[in-house]
């Protein structure tokens, strides 16, 4: 079950990151785009890090 959740979360974060990068390339950097990349990075590190650790 953990692997399924990890794959789903990774797919969603990758999709949102890709869409954010498309906006970044088309419109150039702006504060909200940079902020969204930071939020996606925080979510990615937090969720993937938590799911990779075995339950205690």
PDB file of N, CA and C in Angstrom:
ATOM      1  N   UNK A   1       0.813  -1.196   0.000  1.00  0.00           N
ATOM      2  CA  UNK A   1       0.000   0.000   0.000  1.00  0.00           C
ATOM      3  C   UNK A   1       0.859   1.263   0.000  1.00  0.00           C
ATOM      4  N   UNK A   2       1.971   1.216   0.744  1.00  0.00           N
ATOM      5  CA  UNK A   2       2.855   2.379   0.793  1.00  0.00           C
ATOM      6  C   UNK A   2       3.434   2.692  -0.575  1.00  0.00           C
ATOM      7  N   UNK A   3       3.753   1.663  -1.339  1.00  0.00           N
ATOM      8  CA  UNK A   3       4.319   1.878  -2.669  1.00  0.00           C
ATOM      9  C   UNK A   3       3.295   2.537  -3.587  1.00  0.00           C
ATOM     10  N   UNK A   4       2.057   2.111  -3.489  1.00  0.00           N
ATOM     11  CA  UNK A   4       0.996   2.703  -4.307  1.00  0.00           C
ATOM     12  C   UNK A   4       0.818   4.178  -3.984  1.00  0.00           C
ATOM     13  N   UNK A   5       0.810   4.505  -2.709  1.00  0.00           N
ATOM     14  CA  UNK A   5       0.666   5.907  -2.299  1.00  0.00           C
ATOM     15  C   UNK A   5       1.875   6.716  -2.754  1.00  0.00           C
ATOM     16  N   UNK A   6       3.066   6.148  -2.617  1.00  0.00           N
ATOM     17  CA  UNK A   6       4.285   6.839  -3.021  1.00  0.00           C
ATOM     18  C   UNK A   6       4.268   7.140  -4.519  1.00  0.00           C
ATOM     19  N   UNK A   7       3.844   6.178  -5.318  1.00  0.00           N
ATOM     20  CA  UNK A   7       3.777   6.386  -6.766  1.00  0.00           C
ATOM     21  C   UNK A   7       2.733   7.451  -7.105  1.00  0.00           C
ATOM     22  N   UNK A   8       1.578   7.419  -6.449  1.00  0.00           N
ATOM     23  CA  UNK A   8       0.525   8.404  -6.711  1.00  0.00           C
ATOM     24  C   UNK A   8       0.979   9.807  -6.327  1.00  0.00           C
ATOM     25  N   UNK A   9       1.615   9.935  -5.179  1.00  0.00           N
ATOM     26  CA  UNK A   9       2.097  11.252  -4.729  1.00  0.00           C
ATOM     27  C   UNK A   9       3.187  11.752  -5.657  1.00  0.00           C
ATOM     28  N   UNK A  10       4.098  10.888  -6.053  1.00  0.00           N
ATOM     29  CA  UNK A  10       5.174  11.280  -6.964  1.00  0.00           C
ATOM     30  C   UNK A  10       4.598  11.722  -8.307  1.00  0.00           C
ATOM     31  N   UNK A  11       3.580  11.021  -8.802  1.00  0.00           N
ATOM     32  CA  UNK A  11       2.957  11.393 -10.070  1.00  0.00           C
ATOM     33  C   UNK A  11       2.282  12.758  -9.967  1.00  0.00           C
ATOM     34  N   UNK A  12       1.581  13.007  -8.882  1.00  0.00           N
ATOM     35  CA  UNK A  12       0.888  14.288  -8.708  1.00  0.00           C
ATOM     36  C   UNK A  12       1.886  15.437  -8.576  1.00  0.00           C
ATOM     37  N   UNK A  13       2.929  15.243  -7.796  1.00  0.00           N
ATOM     38  CA  UNK A  13       3.927  16.298  -7.630  1.00  0.00           C
ATOM     39  C   UNK A  13       4.663  16.538  -8.945  1.00  0.00           C
ATOM     40  N   UNK A  14       4.937  15.477  -9.693  1.00  0.00           N
ATOM     41  CA  UNK A  14       5.594  15.626 -10.991  1.00  0.00           C
ATOM     42  C   UNK A  14       4.702  16.381 -11.969  1.00  0.00           C
ATOM     43  N   UNK A  15       3.418  16.069 -11.971  1.00  0.00           N
ATOM     44  CA  UNK A  15       2.478  16.755 -12.856  1.00  0.00           C
ATOM     45  C   UNK A  15       2.406  18.244 -12.510  1.00  0.00           C
ATOM     46  N   UNK A  16       2.229  18.553 -11.233  1.00  0.00           N
ATOM     47  CA  UNK A  16       2.157  19.958 -10.821  1.00  0.00           C
ATOM     48  C   UNK A  16       3.477  20.688 -11.075  1.00  0.00           C
ATOM     49  N   UNK A  17       4.591  20.007 -10.860  1.00  0.00           N
ATOM     50  CA  UNK A  17       5.893  20.609 -11.133  1.00  0.00           C
ATOM     51  C   UNK A  17       6.094  20.869 -12.617  1.00  0.00           C
ATOM     52  N   UNK A  18       5.662  19.930 -13.443  1.00  0.00           N
ATOM     53  CA  UNK A  18       5.775  20.124 -14.889  1.00  0.00           C
ATOM     54  C   UNK A  18       4.927  21.286 -15.376  1.00  0.00           C
ATOM     55  N   UNK A  19       3.711  21.367 -14.872  1.00  0.00           N
ATOM     56  CA  UNK A  19       2.848  22.489 -15.256  1.00  0.00           C
ATOM     57  C   UNK A  19       3.423  23.818 -14.782  1.00  0.00           C
ATOM     58  N   UNK A  20       4.009  23.820 -13.602  1.00  0.00           N
ATOM     59  CA  UNK A  20       4.627  25.046 -13.088  1.00  0.00           C
ATOM     60  C   UNK A  20       5.820  25.441 -13.944  1.00  0.00           C
ATOM     61  N   UNK A  21       6.603  24.466 -14.372  1.00  0.00           N
ATOM     62  CA  UNK A  21       7.747  24.772 -15.232  1.00  0.00           C
ATOM     63  C   UNK A  21       7.306  25.297 -16.594  1.00  0.00           C
ATOM     64  N   UNK A  22       6.199  24.777 -17.116  1.00  0.00           N
ATOM     65  CA  UNK A  22       5.672  25.294 -18.386  1.00  0.00           C
ATOM     66  C   UNK A  22       5.304  26.764 -18.242  1.00  0.00           C
ATOM     67  N   UNK A  23       4.632  27.110 -17.153  1.00  0.00           N
ATOM     68  CA  UNK A  23       4.272  28.504 -16.902  1.00  0.00           C
ATOM     69  C   UNK A  23       5.534  29.342 -16.732  1.00  0.00           C
ATOM     70  N   UNK A  24       6.529  28.816 -16.060  1.00  0.00           N
ATOM     71  CA  UNK A  24       7.783  29.533 -15.845  1.00  0.00           C
ATOM     72  C   UNK A  24       8.477  29.833 -17.170  1.00  0.00           C
ATOM     73  N   UNK A  25       8.475  28.871 -18.091  1.00  0.00           N
ATOM     74  CA  UNK A  25       9.133  29.070 -19.383  1.00  0.00           C
ATOM     75  C   UNK A  25       8.336  30.036 -20.256  1.00  0.00           C
ATOM     76  N   UNK A  26       7.016  29.899 -20.260  1.00  0.00           N
ATOM     77  CA  UNK A  26       6.193  30.753 -21.114  1.00  0.00           C
ATOM     78  C   UNK A  26       6.140  32.200 -20.635  1.00  0.00           C
ATOM     79  N   UNK A  27       5.976  32.412 -19.339  1.00  0.00           N
ATOM     80  CA  UNK A  27       5.747  33.755 -18.811  1.00  0.00           C
ATOM     81  C   UNK A  27       6.942  34.354 -18.083  1.00  0.00           C
ATOM     82  N   UNK A  28       7.977  33.572 -17.883  1.00  0.00           N
ATOM     83  CA  UNK A  28       9.120  34.066 -17.136  1.00  0.00           C
ATOM     84  C   UNK A  28       8.877  33.933 -15.642  1.00  0.00           C
ATOM     85  N   UNK A  29       9.929  34.088 -14.863  1.00  0.00           N
ATOM     86  CA  UNK A  29       9.778  33.934 -13.418  1.00  0.00           C
ATOM     87  C   UNK A  29       9.018  35.103 -12.801  1.00  0.00           C
ATOM     88  N   UNK A  30       8.162  34.763 -11.872  1.00  0.00           N
ATOM     89  CA  UNK A  30       7.498  35.764 -11.051  1.00  0.00           C
ATOM     90  C   UNK A  30       7.401  35.193  -9.640  1.00  0.00           C
ATOM     91  N   UNK A  31       7.079  36.005  -8.662  1.00  0.00           N
ATOM     92  CA  UNK A  31       7.105  35.531  -7.271  1.00  0.00           C
ATOM     93  C   UNK A  31       6.184  34.336  -7.002  1.00  0.00           C
ATOM     94  N   UNK A  32       5.010  34.297  -7.612  1.00  0.00           N
ATOM     95  CA  UNK A  32       4.089  33.186  -7.349  1.00  0.00           C
ATOM     96  C   UNK A  32       4.584  31.876  -7.951  1.00  0.00           C
ATOM     97  N   UNK A  33       5.232  31.944  -9.099  1.00  0.00           N
ATOM     98  CA  UNK A  33       5.777  30.739  -9.706  1.00  0.00           C
ATOM     99  C   UNK A  33       6.915  30.178  -8.864  1.00  0.00           C
ATOM    100  N   UNK A  34       7.774  31.050  -8.403  1.00  0.00           N
ATOM    101  CA  UNK A  34       8.873  30.617  -7.545  1.00  0.00           C
ATOM    102  C   UNK A  34       8.329  30.042  -6.240  1.00  0.00           C
ATOM    103  N   UNK A  35       7.310  30.690  -5.684  1.00  0.00           N
ATOM    104  CA  UNK A  35       6.694  30.197  -4.464  1.00  0.00           C
ATOM    105  C   UNK A  35       6.068  28.820  -4.677  1.00  0.00           C
ATOM    106  N   UNK A  36       5.424  28.621  -5.802  1.00  0.00           N
ATOM    107  CA  UNK A  36       4.811  27.312  -6.049  1.00  0.00           C
ATOM    108  C   UNK A  36       5.876  26.226  -6.206  1.00  0.00           C
ATOM    109  N   UNK A  37       7.016  26.550  -6.809  1.00  0.00           N
ATOM    110  CA  UNK A  37       8.102  25.567  -6.892  1.00  0.00           C
ATOM    111  C   UNK A  37       8.634  25.218  -5.506  1.00  0.00           C
ATOM    112  N   UNK A  38       8.745  26.210  -4.636  1.00  0.00           N
ATOM    113  CA  UNK A  38       9.197  25.951  -3.267  1.00  0.00           C
ATOM    114  C   UNK A  38       8.199  25.085  -2.497  1.00  0.00           C
ATOM    115  N   UNK A  39       6.916  25.363  -2.664  1.00  0.00           N
ATOM    116  CA  UNK A  39       5.890  24.568  -1.987  1.00  0.00           C
ATOM    117  C   UNK A  39       5.903  23.128  -2.492  1.00  0.00           C
ATOM    118  N   UNK A  40       6.042  22.944  -3.806  1.00  0.00           N
ATOM    119  CA  UNK A  40       6.114  21.583  -4.357  1.00  0.00           C
ATOM    120  C   UNK A  40       7.351  20.845  -3.857  1.00  0.00           C
ATOM    121  N   UNK A  41       8.468  21.549  -3.741  1.00  0.00           N
ATOM    122  CA  UNK A  41       9.681  20.917  -3.219  1.00  0.00           C
ATOM    123  C   UNK A  41       9.485  20.495  -1.763  1.00  0.00           C
ATOM    124  N   UNK A  42       8.890  21.353  -0.959  1.00  0.00           N
ATOM    125  CA  UNK A  42       8.632  21.003   0.442  1.00  0.00           C
ATOM    126  C   UNK A  42       7.699  19.802   0.550  1.00  0.00           C
ATOM    127  N   UNK A  43       6.629  19.798  -0.234  1.00  0.00           N
ATOM    128  CA  UNK A  43       5.712  18.664  -0.224  1.00  0.00           C
ATOM    129  C   UNK A  43       6.414  17.388  -0.671  1.00  0.00           C
ATOM    130  N   UNK A  44       7.185  17.504  -1.730  1.00  0.00           N
ATOM    131  CA  UNK A  44       7.888  16.330  -2.248  1.00  0.00           C
ATOM    132  C   UNK A  44       8.853  15.742  -1.241  1.00  0.00           C
ATOM    133  N   UNK A  45       9.701  16.576  -0.651  1.00  0.00           N
ATOM    134  CA  UNK A  45      10.664  16.073   0.320  1.00  0.00           C
ATOM    135  C   UNK A  45       9.967  15.509   1.550  1.00  0.00           C
ATOM    136  N   UNK A  46       8.948  16.186   2.017  1.00  0.00           N
ATOM    137  CA  UNK A  46       8.264  15.739   3.226  1.00  0.00           C
ATOM    138  C   UNK A  46       7.506  14.438   3.036  1.00  0.00           C
ATOM    139  N   UNK A  47       6.700  14.361   2.000  1.00  0.00           N
ATOM    140  CA  UNK A  47       5.870  13.180   1.790  1.00  0.00           C
ATOM    141  C   UNK A  47       6.704  11.980   1.379  1.00  0.00           C
ATOM    142  N   UNK A  48       7.602  12.177   0.443  1.00  0.00           N
ATOM    143  CA  UNK A  48       8.434  11.054   0.005  1.00  0.00           C
ATOM    144  C   UNK A  48       9.346  10.598   1.135  1.00  0.00           C
ATOM    145  N   UNK A  49       9.902  11.528   1.897  1.00  0.00           N
ATOM    146  CA  UNK A  49      10.749  11.148   3.026  1.00  0.00           C
ATOM    147  C   UNK A  49       9.985  10.375   4.082  1.00  0.00           C
ATOM    148  N   UNK A  50       8.758  10.794   4.357  1.00  0.00           N
ATOM    149  CA  UNK A  50       7.947  10.098   5.363  1.00  0.00           C
ATOM    150  C   UNK A  50       7.541   8.709   4.880  1.00  0.00           C
ATOM    151  N   UNK A  51       7.235   8.576   3.629  1.00  0.00           N
ATOM    152  CA  UNK A  51       6.783   7.282   3.116  1.00  0.00           C
ATOM    153  C   UNK A  51       7.937   6.291   2.912  1.00  0.00           C
ATOM    154  N   UNK A  52       9.158   6.784   2.780  1.00  0.00           N
ATOM    155  CA  UNK A  52      10.284   5.882   2.601  1.00  0.00           C
ATOM    156  C   UNK A  52      10.751   5.238   3.910  1.00  0.00           C
ATOM    157  N   UNK A  53      10.450   5.885   5.022  1.00  0.00           N
ATOM    158  CA  UNK A  53      10.838   5.329   6.322  1.00  0.00           C
ATOM    159  C   UNK A  53       9.855   4.210   6.707  1.00  0.00           C
ATOM    160  N   UNK A  54      10.378   3.111   7.166  1.00  0.00           N
ATOM    161  CA  UNK A  54       9.477   2.026   7.569  1.00  0.00           C
ATOM    162  C   UNK A  54       8.703   2.407   8.820  1.00  0.00           C
ATOM    163  N   UNK A  55       7.478   1.894   8.949  1.00  0.00           N
ATOM    164  CA  UNK A  55       6.699   2.210  10.147  1.00  0.00           C
ATOM    165  C   UNK A  55       7.331   1.587  11.396  1.00  0.00           C
ATOM    166  N   UNK A  56       7.190   2.262  12.499  1.00  0.00           N
ATOM    167  CA  UNK A  56       7.796   1.725  13.732  1.00  0.00           C
ATOM    168  C   UNK A  56       6.765   1.141  14.654  1.00  0.00           C
TER     169      UNK A  56
END
